[in-house]
Amino acid sequence: MKTEVSYVKAGSLKLPETGRTVVTTRNGKVIYRQILSKKHHVATLREFFEIARMAGFNVAAIPHRE
């Protein structure tokens, strides 16, 4: 299944019946949308790190240098 990715003109946003869409906004207006397939998973960065740890990867924070 091909992933549908598109930039959106004001007032032309159409959403799929599945409801699986990631939407990006700027100044309160939708500028981009990506319709997700069943193969896509959405998680927070913390959840992603937890999944990586469970898979056996070492996850560590690197101090920020200015």
N, C-alpha and C. Protein backbone atom coordinates (compact mmCIF):
# COMPACT_ATOMS: atom_id res chain seq x y z
N MET A 1 0.84 -1.17 0.00
CA MET A 1 0.00 0.00 0.00
C MET A 1 0.89 1.24 0.00
N LYS A 2 0.64 2.16 -0.89
CA LYS A 2 1.41 3.39 -0.99
C LYS A 2 0.90 4.40 0.05
N THR A 3 1.83 5.06 0.74
CA THR A 3 1.48 6.07 1.71
C THR A 3 1.13 7.36 0.98
N GLU A 4 0.02 7.97 1.36
CA GLU A 4 -0.37 9.22 0.73
C GLU A 4 0.14 10.38 1.58
N VAL A 5 0.96 11.21 0.97
CA VAL A 5 1.51 12.38 1.63
C VAL A 5 1.15 13.57 0.77
N SER A 6 0.64 14.65 1.38
CA SER A 6 0.29 15.80 0.57
C SER A 6 0.33 17.08 1.36
N TYR A 7 0.67 18.16 0.65
CA TYR A 7 0.55 19.49 1.21
C TYR A 7 -0.86 19.96 0.91
N VAL A 8 -1.43 20.72 1.81
CA VAL A 8 -2.85 21.02 1.76
C VAL A 8 -3.08 22.50 1.49
N LYS A 9 -3.96 22.80 0.54
CA LYS A 9 -4.39 24.17 0.31
C LYS A 9 -5.45 24.51 1.36
N ALA A 10 -5.50 25.74 1.76
CA ALA A 10 -6.48 26.16 2.77
C ALA A 10 -7.89 25.74 2.37
N GLY A 11 -8.59 25.10 3.29
CA GLY A 11 -9.98 24.71 3.06
C GLY A 11 -10.16 23.45 2.24
N SER A 12 -9.08 22.76 1.88
CA SER A 12 -9.22 21.59 1.01
C SER A 12 -8.84 20.28 1.70
N LEU A 13 -8.81 20.27 3.02
CA LEU A 13 -8.39 19.07 3.74
C LEU A 13 -9.47 18.01 3.68
N LYS A 14 -9.10 16.82 3.19
CA LYS A 14 -10.01 15.68 3.18
C LYS A 14 -9.36 14.59 4.01
N LEU A 15 -10.10 14.03 4.95
CA LEU A 15 -9.58 13.00 5.84
C LEU A 15 -10.14 11.64 5.46
N PRO A 16 -9.37 10.58 5.68
CA PRO A 16 -9.84 9.23 5.34
C PRO A 16 -10.87 8.75 6.36
N GLU A 17 -11.69 7.81 5.95
CA GLU A 17 -12.70 7.25 6.86
C GLU A 17 -12.07 6.47 8.00
N THR A 18 -10.82 6.00 7.82
CA THR A 18 -10.16 5.24 8.88
C THR A 18 -9.75 6.12 10.05
N GLY A 19 -9.60 7.43 9.79
CA GLY A 19 -9.20 8.34 10.85
C GLY A 19 -7.71 8.33 11.14
N ARG A 20 -6.93 7.54 10.41
CA ARG A 20 -5.49 7.42 10.68
C ARG A 20 -4.73 8.44 9.85
N THR A 21 -4.59 9.64 10.40
CA THR A 21 -3.93 10.73 9.71
C THR A 21 -3.06 11.52 10.68
N VAL A 22 -1.87 11.90 10.25
CA VAL A 22 -1.03 12.82 11.00
C VAL A 22 -1.15 14.17 10.30
N VAL A 23 -1.45 15.21 11.07
CA VAL A 23 -1.67 16.54 10.51
C VAL A 23 -0.66 17.51 11.09
N THR A 24 -0.06 18.34 10.23
CA THR A 24 0.85 19.39 10.67
C THR A 24 0.18 20.73 10.44
N THR A 25 0.25 21.61 11.45
CA THR A 25 -0.36 22.93 11.31
C THR A 25 0.69 24.02 11.49
N ARG A 26 0.40 25.16 10.94
CA ARG A 26 1.23 26.35 11.14
C ARG A 26 0.28 27.52 11.31
N ASN A 27 0.45 28.25 12.39
CA ASN A 27 -0.43 29.40 12.70
C ASN A 27 -1.90 28.99 12.68
N GLY A 28 -2.19 27.80 13.21
CA GLY A 28 -3.57 27.33 13.30
C GLY A 28 -4.17 26.81 12.02
N LYS A 29 -3.39 26.74 10.95
CA LYS A 29 -3.90 26.24 9.67
C LYS A 29 -3.17 24.96 9.28
N VAL A 30 -3.91 24.02 8.73
CA VAL A 30 -3.33 22.75 8.29
C VAL A 30 -2.49 23.02 7.06
N ILE A 31 -1.21 22.60 7.11
CA ILE A 31 -0.34 22.79 5.95
C ILE A 31 0.11 21.47 5.33
N TYR A 32 -0.08 20.36 6.05
CA TYR A 32 0.44 19.08 5.58
C TYR A 32 -0.34 17.96 6.24
N ARG A 33 -0.55 16.88 5.52
CA ARG A 33 -1.18 15.70 6.12
C ARG A 33 -0.57 14.45 5.53
N GLN A 34 -0.50 13.41 6.36
CA GLN A 34 -0.03 12.11 5.90
C GLN A 34 -1.04 11.08 6.37
N ILE A 35 -1.62 10.36 5.44
CA ILE A 35 -2.56 9.30 5.77
C ILE A 35 -1.75 8.05 6.09
N LEU A 36 -2.04 7.43 7.22
CA LEU A 36 -1.28 6.29 7.70
C LEU A 36 -1.92 4.98 7.29
N SER A 37 -1.07 4.01 6.97
CA SER A 37 -1.56 2.66 6.68
C SER A 37 -1.52 1.85 7.98
N LYS A 38 -1.95 0.62 7.91
CA LYS A 38 -1.90 -0.26 9.08
C LYS A 38 -0.47 -0.58 9.49
N LYS A 39 0.48 -0.36 8.59
CA LYS A 39 1.89 -0.62 8.89
C LYS A 39 2.53 0.50 9.70
N HIS A 40 1.90 1.66 9.77
CA HIS A 40 2.45 2.80 10.51
C HIS A 40 2.09 2.71 11.99
N HIS A 41 3.00 3.18 12.82
CA HIS A 41 2.77 3.26 14.26
C HIS A 41 3.21 4.64 14.72
N VAL A 42 2.43 5.25 15.59
CA VAL A 42 2.75 6.57 16.12
C VAL A 42 3.03 6.43 17.60
N ALA A 43 4.15 7.01 18.06
CA ALA A 43 4.52 6.93 19.48
C ALA A 43 5.29 8.18 19.87
N THR A 44 5.35 8.43 21.17
CA THR A 44 6.18 9.51 21.67
C THR A 44 7.64 9.06 21.62
N LEU A 45 8.55 10.00 21.76
CA LEU A 45 9.97 9.66 21.77
C LEU A 45 10.28 8.75 22.95
N ARG A 46 9.69 9.00 24.10
CA ARG A 46 9.89 8.14 25.27
C ARG A 46 9.43 6.71 24.99
N GLU A 47 8.27 6.55 24.35
CA GLU A 47 7.78 5.22 24.00
C GLU A 47 8.71 4.52 23.00
N PHE A 48 9.23 5.29 22.04
CA PHE A 48 10.16 4.72 21.08
C PHE A 48 11.41 4.20 21.78
N PHE A 49 11.96 4.98 22.72
CA PHE A 49 13.13 4.53 23.47
C PHE A 49 12.83 3.27 24.27
N GLU A 50 11.65 3.19 24.85
CA GLU A 50 11.27 2.00 25.61
C GLU A 50 11.20 0.78 24.70
N ILE A 51 10.64 0.94 23.52
CA ILE A 51 10.58 -0.17 22.56
C ILE A 51 11.99 -0.60 22.17
N ALA A 52 12.89 0.38 21.95
CA ALA A 52 14.28 0.07 21.60
C ALA A 52 14.96 -0.68 22.73
N ARG A 53 14.74 -0.27 23.97
CA ARG A 53 15.33 -0.98 25.12
C ARG A 53 14.81 -2.42 25.19
N MET A 54 13.51 -2.58 24.98
CA MET A 54 12.91 -3.92 25.02
C MET A 54 13.48 -4.81 23.92
N ALA A 55 13.92 -4.20 22.81
CA ALA A 55 14.50 -4.96 21.70
C ALA A 55 16.00 -5.22 21.91
N GLY A 56 16.54 -4.72 23.04
CA GLY A 56 17.93 -5.01 23.35
C GLY A 56 18.92 -3.91 23.03
N PHE A 57 18.45 -2.76 22.58
CA PHE A 57 19.35 -1.65 22.28
C PHE A 57 19.66 -0.87 23.55
N ASN A 58 20.87 -0.31 23.63
CA ASN A 58 21.22 0.59 24.72
C ASN A 58 20.83 2.01 24.32
N VAL A 59 20.04 2.65 25.14
CA VAL A 59 19.58 4.00 24.85
C VAL A 59 20.09 4.91 25.96
N ALA A 60 20.80 5.96 25.59
CA ALA A 60 21.37 6.87 26.60
C ALA A 60 21.23 8.32 26.11
N ALA A 61 21.06 9.23 27.05
CA ALA A 61 20.99 10.65 26.74
C ALA A 61 22.41 11.18 26.58
N ILE A 62 22.63 11.97 25.57
CA ILE A 62 23.92 12.61 25.35
C ILE A 62 23.79 14.06 25.80
N PRO A 63 24.68 14.52 26.70
CA PRO A 63 24.57 15.90 27.17
C PRO A 63 24.71 16.90 26.02
N HIS A 64 23.90 17.96 26.10
CA HIS A 64 23.93 19.01 25.08
C HIS A 64 25.08 19.97 25.37
N ARG A 65 25.87 20.27 24.35
CA ARG A 65 26.98 21.23 24.50
C ARG A 65 26.63 22.49 23.73
N GLU A 66 26.96 23.61 24.32
CA GLU A 66 26.71 24.89 23.63
C GLU A 66 27.97 25.46 23.07
